[in-house]
Amino acid sequence: MGKLVIGIFGGGNVTKGSGEWQAAHETGRLLAEHGVVVLTGGLGGVMLAASAGAKSGKGLTVGILPGDRTTSAPNSYVDIAIYTGMGEARNVLNVKSCNAAIAIGGEYGTLSEIALALKCRCPIILFDSWNLSRKGMTVENDILIAKNAVDAVNLALDAASSNS
């Protein structure tokens, strides 16, 4: 069995120093320190922060990018860039490529990744992210909620180990 791959999903418009940025950086670092490959969408915001954190923890990072080599430059902390040419449809690849995922904050793209994770039975941990409910459904039983980065990492490691 190879290394565990844990995705970190979140908004691309998060600014350096914000709470979401700091949470993503710490989460990426902690995952890397556990020997996990950190997968993101490879661009800015939470993706940049998580990748930078993973690199500070001496980890390996993968970025699944929406465009091709000429239209979709990865952030400078991505070790392995996968160019899909799929735009937002790449979110399926993000979810299908990891053993578990952590959503930090997030915009509509993050919401789509959360929904895809639920549909694909990929363990999903929400860390200061979307609040989901639907009448007649038990979404709450399929989602783990983290209180902080350490909690998010522990929940993801446990879930990924069970899902590998």
C-alpha atoms as a PDB file:
ATOM      1  CA  MET A   1       0.000   0.000   0.000  1.00  0.00           C
ATOM      2  CA  GLY A   2       1.228   3.502  -0.856  1.00  0.00           C
ATOM      3  CA  LYS A   3       1.119   6.623   1.233  1.00  0.00           C
ATOM      4  CA  LEU A   4      -2.148   8.053   2.406  1.00  0.00           C
ATOM      5  CA  VAL A   5      -3.403  10.989   0.360  1.00  0.00           C
ATOM      6  CA  ILE A   6      -5.539  13.551   2.158  1.00  0.00           C
ATOM      7  CA  GLY A   7      -7.162  16.413   0.301  1.00  0.00           C
ATOM      8  CA  ILE A   8      -7.524  19.915   1.671  1.00  0.00           C
ATOM      9  CA  PHE A   9     -10.348  21.809  -0.002  1.00  0.00           C
ATOM     10  CA  GLY A  10     -11.158  25.480   0.432  1.00  0.00           C
ATOM     11  CA  GLY A  11     -11.612  28.833  -1.191  1.00  0.00           C
ATOM     12  CA  GLY A  12      -9.168  30.270  -3.679  1.00  0.00           C
ATOM     13  CA  ASN A  13      -9.790  33.852  -2.534  1.00  0.00           C
ATOM     14  CA  VAL A  14      -8.501  33.485   1.025  1.00  0.00           C
ATOM     15  CA  THR A  15      -5.837  36.041   1.937  1.00  0.00           C
ATOM     16  CA  LYS A  16      -2.563  35.308   3.674  1.00  0.00           C
ATOM     17  CA  GLY A  17      -2.819  35.791   7.418  1.00  0.00           C
ATOM     18  CA  SER A  18      -6.589  35.250   7.619  1.00  0.00           C
ATOM     19  CA  GLY A  19      -8.009  32.609   9.933  1.00  0.00           C
ATOM     20  CA  GLU A  20      -8.746  30.228   7.055  1.00  0.00           C
ATOM     21  CA  TRP A  21      -5.244  30.700   5.640  1.00  0.00           C
ATOM     22  CA  GLN A  22      -3.647  29.959   9.012  1.00  0.00           C
ATOM     23  CA  ALA A  23      -5.892  26.925   9.543  1.00  0.00           C
ATOM     24  CA  ALA A  24      -5.001  25.520   6.112  1.00  0.00           C
ATOM     25  CA  HIS A  25      -1.276  26.135   6.647  1.00  0.00           C
ATOM     26  CA  GLU A  26      -1.283  24.388  10.029  1.00  0.00           C
ATOM     27  CA  THR A  27      -3.401  21.505   8.721  1.00  0.00           C
ATOM     28  CA  GLY A  28      -1.079  20.980   5.747  1.00  0.00           C
ATOM     29  CA  ARG A  29       1.979  21.043   8.007  1.00  0.00           C
ATOM     30  CA  LEU A  30       0.529  18.554  10.475  1.00  0.00           C
ATOM     31  CA  LEU A  31      -0.520  16.157   7.714  1.00  0.00           C
ATOM     32  CA  ALA A  32       2.960  16.306   6.181  1.00  0.00           C
ATOM     33  CA  GLU A  33       4.546  15.622   9.560  1.00  0.00           C
ATOM     34  CA  HIS A  34       2.464  12.418   9.629  1.00  0.00           C
ATOM     35  CA  GLY A  35       3.899  11.378   6.251  1.00  0.00           C
ATOM     36  CA  VAL A  36       0.683  12.062   4.326  1.00  0.00           C
ATOM     37  CA  VAL A  37       0.613  13.331   0.736  1.00  0.00           C
ATOM     38  CA  VAL A  38      -1.346  16.599   0.714  1.00  0.00           C
ATOM     39  CA  LEU A  39      -3.620  17.056  -2.307  1.00  0.00           C
ATOM     40  CA  THR A  40      -5.211  20.393  -3.235  1.00  0.00           C
ATOM     41  CA  GLY A  41      -6.620  22.133  -6.277  1.00  0.00           C
ATOM     42  CA  GLY A  42      -3.135  23.582  -6.729  1.00  0.00           C
ATOM     43  CA  LEU A  43      -4.033  27.270  -6.948  1.00  0.00           C
ATOM     44  CA  GLY A  44      -4.222  30.115  -4.366  1.00  0.00           C
ATOM     45  CA  GLY A  45      -5.979  30.782  -1.084  1.00  0.00           C
ATOM     46  CA  VAL A  46      -6.532  27.698   1.068  1.00  0.00           C
ATOM     47  CA  MET A  47      -4.795  25.593  -1.603  1.00  0.00           C
ATOM     48  CA  LEU A  48      -1.661  27.742  -1.412  1.00  0.00           C
ATOM     49  CA  ALA A  49      -1.701  27.834   2.385  1.00  0.00           C
ATOM     50  CA  ALA A  50      -2.147  24.060   2.695  1.00  0.00           C
ATOM     51  CA  SER A  51       0.629  23.405   0.172  1.00  0.00           C
ATOM     52  CA  ALA A  52       2.974  25.857   1.914  1.00  0.00           C
ATOM     53  CA  GLY A  53       2.208  24.257   5.269  1.00  0.00           C
ATOM     54  CA  ALA A  54       2.871  20.790   3.880  1.00  0.00           C
ATOM     55  CA  LYS A  55       6.220  21.925   2.469  1.00  0.00           C
ATOM     56  CA  SER A  56       7.163  23.449   5.850  1.00  0.00           C
ATOM     57  CA  GLY A  57       6.437  20.002   7.319  1.00  0.00           C
ATOM     58  CA  LYS A  58       8.758  18.399   4.729  1.00  0.00           C
ATOM     59  CA  GLY A  59       5.819  16.818   2.890  1.00  0.00           C
ATOM     60  CA  LEU A  60       4.878  15.984  -0.676  1.00  0.00           C
ATOM     61  CA  THR A  61       2.150  18.035  -2.371  1.00  0.00           C
ATOM     62  CA  VAL A  62      -0.079  17.340  -5.360  1.00  0.00           C
ATOM     63  CA  GLY A  63      -2.112  19.983  -7.175  1.00  0.00           C
ATOM     64  CA  ILE A  64      -4.998  18.985  -9.455  1.00  0.00           C
ATOM     65  CA  LEU A  65      -5.308  22.003 -11.730  1.00  0.00           C
ATOM     66  CA  PRO A  66      -8.312  23.194 -13.742  1.00  0.00           C
ATOM     67  CA  GLY A  67      -6.439  24.118 -16.928  1.00  0.00           C
ATOM     68  CA  ASP A  68      -3.412  23.061 -18.930  1.00  0.00           C
ATOM     69  CA  ARG A  69       0.262  23.981 -18.734  1.00  0.00           C
ATOM     70  CA  THR A  70      -0.347  27.297 -20.525  1.00  0.00           C
ATOM     71  CA  THR A  71      -3.423  28.425 -18.572  1.00  0.00           C
ATOM     72  CA  SER A  72      -3.113  26.968 -15.085  1.00  0.00           C
ATOM     73  CA  ALA A  73       0.128  27.652 -13.219  1.00  0.00           C
ATOM     74  CA  PRO A  74       0.294  25.800  -9.904  1.00  0.00           C
ATOM     75  CA  ASN A  75       1.246  27.602  -6.740  1.00  0.00           C
ATOM     76  CA  SER A  76       4.964  27.485  -5.969  1.00  0.00           C
ATOM     77  CA  TYR A  77       4.542  24.813  -3.283  1.00  0.00           C
ATOM     78  CA  VAL A  78       3.059  22.124  -5.560  1.00  0.00           C
ATOM     79  CA  ASP A  79       5.493  19.237  -6.148  1.00  0.00           C
ATOM     80  CA  ILE A  80       3.341  17.298  -8.593  1.00  0.00           C
ATOM     81  CA  ALA A  81       1.040  19.289 -10.863  1.00  0.00           C
ATOM     82  CA  ILE A  82      -1.722  17.400 -12.659  1.00  0.00           C
ATOM     83  CA  TYR A  83      -3.190  19.465 -15.491  1.00  0.00           C
ATOM     84  CA  THR A  84      -6.732  18.358 -16.250  1.00  0.00           C
ATOM     85  CA  GLY A  85      -8.165  20.918 -18.681  1.00  0.00           C
ATOM     86  CA  MET A  86     -11.461  20.186 -16.905  1.00  0.00           C
ATOM     87  CA  GLY A  87     -12.192  23.450 -15.095  1.00  0.00           C
ATOM     88  CA  GLU A  88     -14.406  22.914 -12.059  1.00  0.00           C
ATOM     89  CA  ALA A  89     -15.090  19.339 -13.181  1.00  0.00           C
ATOM     90  CA  ARG A  90     -11.650  18.557 -11.742  1.00  0.00           C
ATOM     91  CA  ASN A  91     -13.336  18.456  -8.346  1.00  0.00           C
ATOM     92  CA  VAL A  92     -14.300  14.859  -9.084  1.00  0.00           C
ATOM     93  CA  LEU A  93     -10.611  14.021  -9.497  1.00  0.00           C
ATOM     94  CA  ASN A  94      -9.788  15.840  -6.265  1.00  0.00           C
ATOM     95  CA  VAL A  95     -12.266  13.690  -4.350  1.00  0.00           C
ATOM     96  CA  LYS A  96     -11.513  10.404  -6.127  1.00  0.00           C
ATOM     97  CA  SER A  97      -7.752  10.827  -5.596  1.00  0.00           C
ATOM     98  CA  CYS A  98      -7.723  11.020  -1.800  1.00  0.00           C
ATOM     99  CA  ASN A  99      -8.371   8.637   1.080  1.00  0.00           C
ATOM    100  CA  ALA A 100     -10.079  11.412   3.066  1.00  0.00           C
ATOM    101  CA  ALA A 101     -10.552  15.161   2.746  1.00  0.00           C
ATOM    102  CA  ILE A 102     -10.719  18.224   4.943  1.00  0.00           C
ATOM    103  CA  ALA A 103     -12.792  21.232   3.875  1.00  0.00           C
ATOM    104  CA  ILE A 104     -11.621  24.497   5.430  1.00  0.00           C
ATOM    105  CA  GLY A 105     -14.017  27.391   5.016  1.00  0.00           C
ATOM    106  CA  GLY A 106     -14.842  27.436   1.358  1.00  0.00           C
ATOM    107  CA  GLU A 107     -16.703  28.855  -1.557  1.00  0.00           C
ATOM    108  CA  TYR A 108     -19.077  27.092  -3.971  1.00  0.00           C
ATOM    109  CA  GLY A 109     -16.273  24.949  -5.415  1.00  0.00           C
ATOM    110  CA  THR A 110     -15.609  23.646  -1.919  1.00  0.00           C
ATOM    111  CA  LEU A 111     -19.300  22.938  -1.496  1.00  0.00           C
ATOM    112  CA  SER A 112     -19.234  20.866  -4.694  1.00  0.00           C
ATOM    113  CA  GLU A 113     -16.228  18.913  -3.369  1.00  0.00           C
ATOM    114  CA  ILE A 114     -18.064  18.234  -0.108  1.00  0.00           C
ATOM    115  CA  ALA A 115     -21.112  16.976  -2.023  1.00  0.00           C
ATOM    116  CA  LEU A 116     -18.946  14.807  -4.279  1.00  0.00           C
ATOM    117  CA  ALA A 117     -17.131  13.384  -1.260  1.00  0.00           C
ATOM    118  CA  LEU A 118     -20.467  12.437   0.305  1.00  0.00           C
ATOM    119  CA  LYS A 119     -21.668  10.881  -2.956  1.00  0.00           C
ATOM    120  CA  CYS A 120     -18.393   8.988  -3.497  1.00  0.00           C
ATOM    121  CA  ARG A 121     -18.154   7.861   0.133  1.00  0.00           C
ATOM    122  CA  CYS A 122     -14.886   9.718   0.653  1.00  0.00           C
ATOM    123  CA  PRO A 123     -14.609  10.636   4.338  1.00  0.00           C
ATOM    124  CA  ILE A 124     -15.038  14.391   4.657  1.00  0.00           C
ATOM    125  CA  ILE A 125     -14.078  16.522   7.633  1.00  0.00           C
ATOM    126  CA  LEU A 126     -15.480  20.048   7.899  1.00  0.00           C
ATOM    127  CA  PHE A 127     -13.303  22.626   9.654  1.00  0.00           C
ATOM    128  CA  ASP A 128     -15.077  25.990   9.938  1.00  0.00           C
ATOM    129  CA  SER A 129     -16.799  25.117   6.681  1.00  0.00           C
ATOM    130  CA  TRP A 130     -20.296  24.695   5.282  1.00  0.00           C
ATOM    131  CA  ASN A 131     -23.245  23.772   7.468  1.00  0.00           C
ATOM    132  CA  LEU A 132     -25.294  21.103   5.664  1.00  0.00           C
ATOM    133  CA  SER A 133     -28.714  19.657   6.265  1.00  0.00           C
ATOM    134  CA  ARG A 134     -31.613  18.436   4.199  1.00  0.00           C
ATOM    135  CA  LYS A 135     -35.051  17.401   5.294  1.00  0.00           C
ATOM    136  CA  GLY A 136     -35.346  13.646   5.419  1.00  0.00           C
ATOM    137  CA  MET A 137     -31.612  12.974   4.961  1.00  0.00           C
ATOM    138  CA  THR A 138     -28.972  12.085   7.521  1.00  0.00           C
ATOM    139  CA  VAL A 139     -26.069  14.102   6.124  1.00  0.00           C
ATOM    140  CA  GLU A 140     -24.861  14.735   9.676  1.00  0.00           C
ATOM    141  CA  ASN A 141     -23.971  11.045  10.055  1.00  0.00           C
ATOM    142  CA  ASP A 142     -21.678  11.169   7.011  1.00  0.00           C
ATOM    143  CA  ILE A 143     -19.706  14.282   7.964  1.00  0.00           C
ATOM    144  CA  LEU A 144     -17.090  14.719  10.656  1.00  0.00           C
ATOM    145  CA  ILE A 145     -16.711  18.136  12.279  1.00  0.00           C
ATOM    146  CA  ALA A 146     -13.317  19.364  13.477  1.00  0.00           C
ATOM    147  CA  LYS A 147     -12.778  21.979  16.173  1.00  0.00           C
ATOM    148  CA  ASN A 148      -9.200  22.864  15.178  1.00  0.00           C
ATOM    149  CA  ALA A 149      -6.338  21.752  12.914  1.00  0.00           C
ATOM    150  CA  VAL A 150      -5.134  19.002  15.247  1.00  0.00           C
ATOM    151  CA  ASP A 151      -8.659  17.606  15.482  1.00  0.00           C
ATOM    152  CA  ALA A 152      -9.096  17.811  11.683  1.00  0.00           C
ATOM    153  CA  VAL A 153      -5.847  15.934  11.085  1.00  0.00           C
ATOM    154  CA  ASN A 154      -6.634  13.215  13.637  1.00  0.00           C
ATOM    155  CA  LEU A 155     -10.129  12.708  12.234  1.00  0.00           C
ATOM    156  CA  ALA A 156      -8.756  12.589   8.673  1.00  0.00           C
ATOM    157  CA  LEU A 157      -5.977  10.130   9.564  1.00  0.00           C
ATOM    158  CA  ASP A 158      -8.446   7.801  11.292  1.00  0.00           C
ATOM    159  CA  ALA A 159     -10.938   8.036   8.427  1.00  0.00           C
ATOM    160  CA  ALA A 160      -8.254   7.642   5.731  1.00  0.00           C
ATOM    161  CA  SER A 161      -6.813   4.566   7.422  1.00  0.00           C
ATOM    162  CA  SER A 162     -10.264   2.996   7.414  1.00  0.00           C
ATOM    163  CA  ASN A 163     -10.825   4.043   3.761  1.00  0.00           C
ATOM    164  CA  SER A 164      -7.544   2.821   2.258  1.00  0.00           C
END
